[in-house]
C-alpha atoms as a PDB file:
ATOM      1  CA  MET A   1      91.942 122.137 167.208  1.00  0.00           C
ATOM      2  CA  PRO A   2      90.949 122.654 163.584  1.00  0.00           C
ATOM      3  CA  PRO A   3      92.867 125.555 161.973  1.00  0.00           C
ATOM      4  CA  LEU A   4      89.668 127.590 161.434  1.00  0.00           C
ATOM      5  CA  TYR A   5      88.841 127.448 165.144  1.00  0.00           C
ATOM      6  CA  ARG A   6      92.381 128.403 166.084  1.00  0.00           C
ATOM      7  CA  GLU A   7      92.420 131.349 163.677  1.00  0.00           C
ATOM      8  CA  GLN A   8      89.035 132.649 164.816  1.00  0.00           C
ATOM      9  CA  LEU A   9      89.809 132.201 168.511  1.00  0.00           C
ATOM     10  CA  LEU A  10      93.024 134.184 168.149  1.00  0.00           C
ATOM     11  CA  ARG A  11      91.105 136.988 166.412  1.00  0.00           C
ATOM     12  CA  TYR A  12      89.183 137.526 169.658  1.00  0.00           C
ATOM     13  CA  LEU A  13      91.961 136.627 172.094  1.00  0.00           C
ATOM     14  CA  PRO A  14      95.248 137.461 170.351  1.00  0.00           C
ATOM     15  CA  ASN A  15      97.296 136.943 173.535  1.00  0.00           C
ATOM     16  CA  LEU A  16      95.919 133.444 174.162  1.00  0.00           C
ATOM     17  CA  ILE A  17      98.527 130.718 173.800  1.00  0.00           C
ATOM     18  CA  VAL A  18      97.135 128.016 171.519  1.00  0.00           C
ATOM     19  CA  ARG A  19      99.074 124.876 170.695  1.00  0.00           C
ATOM     20  CA  THR A  20      98.078 122.055 168.394  1.00  0.00           C
ATOM     21  CA  VAL A  21      99.300 118.484 168.485  1.00  0.00           C
ATOM     22  CA  GLY A  22     102.115 118.420 165.972  1.00  0.00           C
ATOM     23  CA  ASP A  23     103.325 121.969 166.680  1.00  0.00           C
ATOM     24  CA  SER A  24     106.920 122.467 167.753  1.00  0.00           C
ATOM     25  CA  GLY A  25     107.299 121.636 171.452  1.00  0.00           C
ATOM     26  CA  VAL A  26     103.988 119.735 171.515  1.00  0.00           C
ATOM     27  CA  PRO A  27     103.541 115.966 171.142  1.00  0.00           C
ATOM     28  CA  PRO A  28     103.602 114.902 167.482  1.00  0.00           C
ATOM     29  CA  ARG A  29     100.546 113.790 165.554  1.00  0.00           C
ATOM     30  CA  GLY A  30      99.821 110.161 166.302  1.00  0.00           C
ATOM     31  CA  THR A  31     100.685 110.503 169.996  1.00  0.00           C
ATOM     32  CA  LEU A  32      98.370 108.403 172.137  1.00  0.00           C
ATOM     33  CA  ASP A  33      95.675 110.264 174.074  1.00  0.00           C
ATOM     34  CA  PRO A  34      96.986 109.335 177.540  1.00  0.00           C
ATOM     35  CA  GLU A  35     100.355 110.884 176.645  1.00  0.00           C
ATOM     36  CA  ILE A  36      98.640 114.045 175.401  1.00  0.00           C
ATOM     37  CA  LEU A  37      96.750 114.315 178.695  1.00  0.00           C
ATOM     38  CA  VAL A  38     100.031 114.087 180.619  1.00  0.00           C
ATOM     39  CA  TRP A  39     101.560 116.787 178.392  1.00  0.00           C
ATOM     40  CA  CYS A  40      98.524 119.056 178.941  1.00  0.00           C
ATOM     41  CA  GLU A  41      98.755 118.564 182.702  1.00  0.00           C
ATOM     42  CA  GLU A  42     102.502 119.193 182.840  1.00  0.00           C
ATOM     43  CA  ASN A  43     102.226 122.311 180.688  1.00  0.00           C
ATOM     44  CA  GLY A  44      98.948 123.712 182.059  1.00  0.00           C
ATOM     45  CA  PHE A  45      97.028 123.483 178.800  1.00  0.00           C
ATOM     46  CA  SER A  46      93.361 122.714 178.318  1.00  0.00           C
ATOM     47  CA  LEU A  47      92.551 120.116 175.683  1.00  0.00           C
ATOM     48  CA  ILE A  48      90.072 120.911 172.920  1.00  0.00           C
ATOM     49  CA  THR A  49      89.154 117.817 170.939  1.00  0.00           C
ATOM     50  CA  LYS A  50      86.584 116.158 168.727  1.00  0.00           C
ATOM     51  CA  ASN A  51      87.256 112.804 170.412  1.00  0.00           C
ATOM     52  CA  ARG A  52      83.925 112.081 172.102  1.00  0.00           C
ATOM     53  CA  ARG A  53      84.243 108.330 172.130  1.00  0.00           C
ATOM     54  CA  SER A  54      87.397 107.458 174.035  1.00  0.00           C
ATOM     55  CA  MET A  55      88.336 110.680 175.839  1.00  0.00           C
ATOM     56  CA  PRO A  56      86.065 110.018 178.872  1.00  0.00           C
ATOM     57  CA  PHE A  57      87.806 106.660 179.293  1.00  0.00           C
ATOM     58  CA  HIS A  58      91.264 108.245 178.998  1.00  0.00           C
ATOM     59  CA  LEU A  59      90.386 111.020 181.458  1.00  0.00           C
ATOM     60  CA  ALA A  60      89.148 108.456 183.992  1.00  0.00           C
ATOM     61  CA  GLY A  61      92.415 106.557 183.665  1.00  0.00           C
ATOM     62  CA  HIS A  62      94.418 109.765 184.009  1.00  0.00           C
ATOM     63  CA  LEU A  63      92.568 110.785 187.166  1.00  0.00           C
ATOM     64  CA  SER A  64      92.750 107.286 188.675  1.00  0.00           C
ATOM     65  CA  THR A  65      96.546 107.530 188.755  1.00  0.00           C
ATOM     66  CA  GLY A  66      96.447 110.752 190.788  1.00  0.00           C
ATOM     67  CA  HIS A  67      96.869 113.104 187.861  1.00  0.00           C
ATOM     68  CA  HIS A  68      94.794 116.192 187.120  1.00  0.00           C
ATOM     69  CA  LEU A  69      93.919 118.200 184.030  1.00  0.00           C
ATOM     70  CA  PRO A  70      92.847 121.826 183.578  1.00  0.00           C
ATOM     71  CA  GLU A  71      89.942 120.757 181.364  1.00  0.00           C
ATOM     72  CA  ILE A  72      88.851 118.862 178.305  1.00  0.00           C
ATOM     73  CA  LEU A  73      86.508 120.661 175.952  1.00  0.00           C
ATOM     74  CA  VAL A  74      84.871 118.393 173.389  1.00  0.00           C
ATOM     75  CA  LEU A  75      83.477 119.988 170.242  1.00  0.00           C
ATOM     76  CA  ARG A  76      79.919 118.873 169.573  1.00  0.00           C
ATOM     77  CA  ARG A  77      79.124 117.350 166.212  1.00  0.00           C
ATOM     78  CA  GLN A  78      77.928 119.808 163.608  1.00  0.00           C
ATOM     79  CA  ALA A  79      78.454 122.690 166.020  1.00  0.00           C
ATOM     80  CA  ASP A  80      78.212 126.211 164.681  1.00  0.00           C
ATOM     81  CA  VAL A  81      81.735 127.640 164.471  1.00  0.00           C
ATOM     82  CA  GLY A  82      80.567 131.049 165.700  1.00  0.00           C
ATOM     83  CA  GLN A  83      78.932 129.585 168.800  1.00  0.00           C
ATOM     84  CA  VAL A  84      81.964 127.403 169.542  1.00  0.00           C
ATOM     85  CA  ILE A  85      84.271 130.418 169.333  1.00  0.00           C
ATOM     86  CA  ALA A  86      81.927 132.537 171.477  1.00  0.00           C
ATOM     87  CA  ASP A  87      81.858 129.831 174.162  1.00  0.00           C
ATOM     88  CA  LEU A  88      85.625 129.297 174.053  1.00  0.00           C
ATOM     89  CA  VAL A  89      86.151 133.045 174.473  1.00  0.00           C
ATOM     90  CA  LEU A  90      83.702 133.059 177.391  1.00  0.00           C
ATOM     91  CA  ILE A  91      85.482 130.141 179.062  1.00  0.00           C
ATOM     92  CA  ALA A  92      88.916 131.693 178.545  1.00  0.00           C
ATOM     93  CA  GLU A  93      87.881 135.091 179.888  1.00  0.00           C
ATOM     94  CA  ALA A  94      85.378 134.292 182.617  1.00  0.00           C
ATOM     95  CA  ALA A  95      85.968 130.806 184.008  1.00  0.00           C
ATOM     96  CA  ASP A  96      87.675 130.400 187.361  1.00  0.00           C
ATOM     97  CA  ASP A  97      91.043 128.641 187.174  1.00  0.00           C
ATOM     98  CA  ASP A  98      89.640 125.390 188.551  1.00  0.00           C
ATOM     99  CA  GLU A  99      86.073 125.639 187.263  1.00  0.00           C
ATOM    100  CA  TYR A 100      86.596 122.941 184.627  1.00  0.00           C
ATOM    101  CA  LEU A 101      89.344 121.027 186.481  1.00  0.00           C
ATOM    102  CA  ASP A 102      89.339 117.275 185.855  1.00  0.00           C
ATOM    103  CA  ARG A 103      86.200 117.246 183.778  1.00  0.00           C
ATOM    104  CA  ILE A 104      84.897 117.090 180.251  1.00  0.00           C
ATOM    105  CA  SER A 105      82.566 119.774 178.953  1.00  0.00           C
ATOM    106  CA  TYR A 106      80.930 119.935 175.559  1.00  0.00           C
ATOM    107  CA  VAL A 107      81.110 123.040 173.381  1.00  0.00           C
ATOM    108  CA  PRO A 108      78.904 124.844 172.564  1.00  0.00           C
ATOM    109  CA  LEU A 109      77.941 124.804 176.221  1.00  0.00           C
ATOM    110  CA  ALA A 110      74.191 124.965 175.630  1.00  0.00           C
END
């Protein structure tokens, strides 16, 4: 997640736990996507990414091996930061625990 998004999201949801690839206790930068998906599953984290091209392929592979994932949220190109943050807050506060399970959604939602 870009630092600006992280900072803004935590302004609205200060108790939300946000981790970024490369943070302590999180896979390092350069980790392959399939390994990141396993880490997210094992640790109960949603994945927010800009990777539109290969992430659907990686999710399909992850699911085909019997794994699951809370959700993948892909940031749309040239998305308005304010709308992205508003939608992420909405998802965090209002979505059911399994509403986005094993699927990719694009943010902003509309």
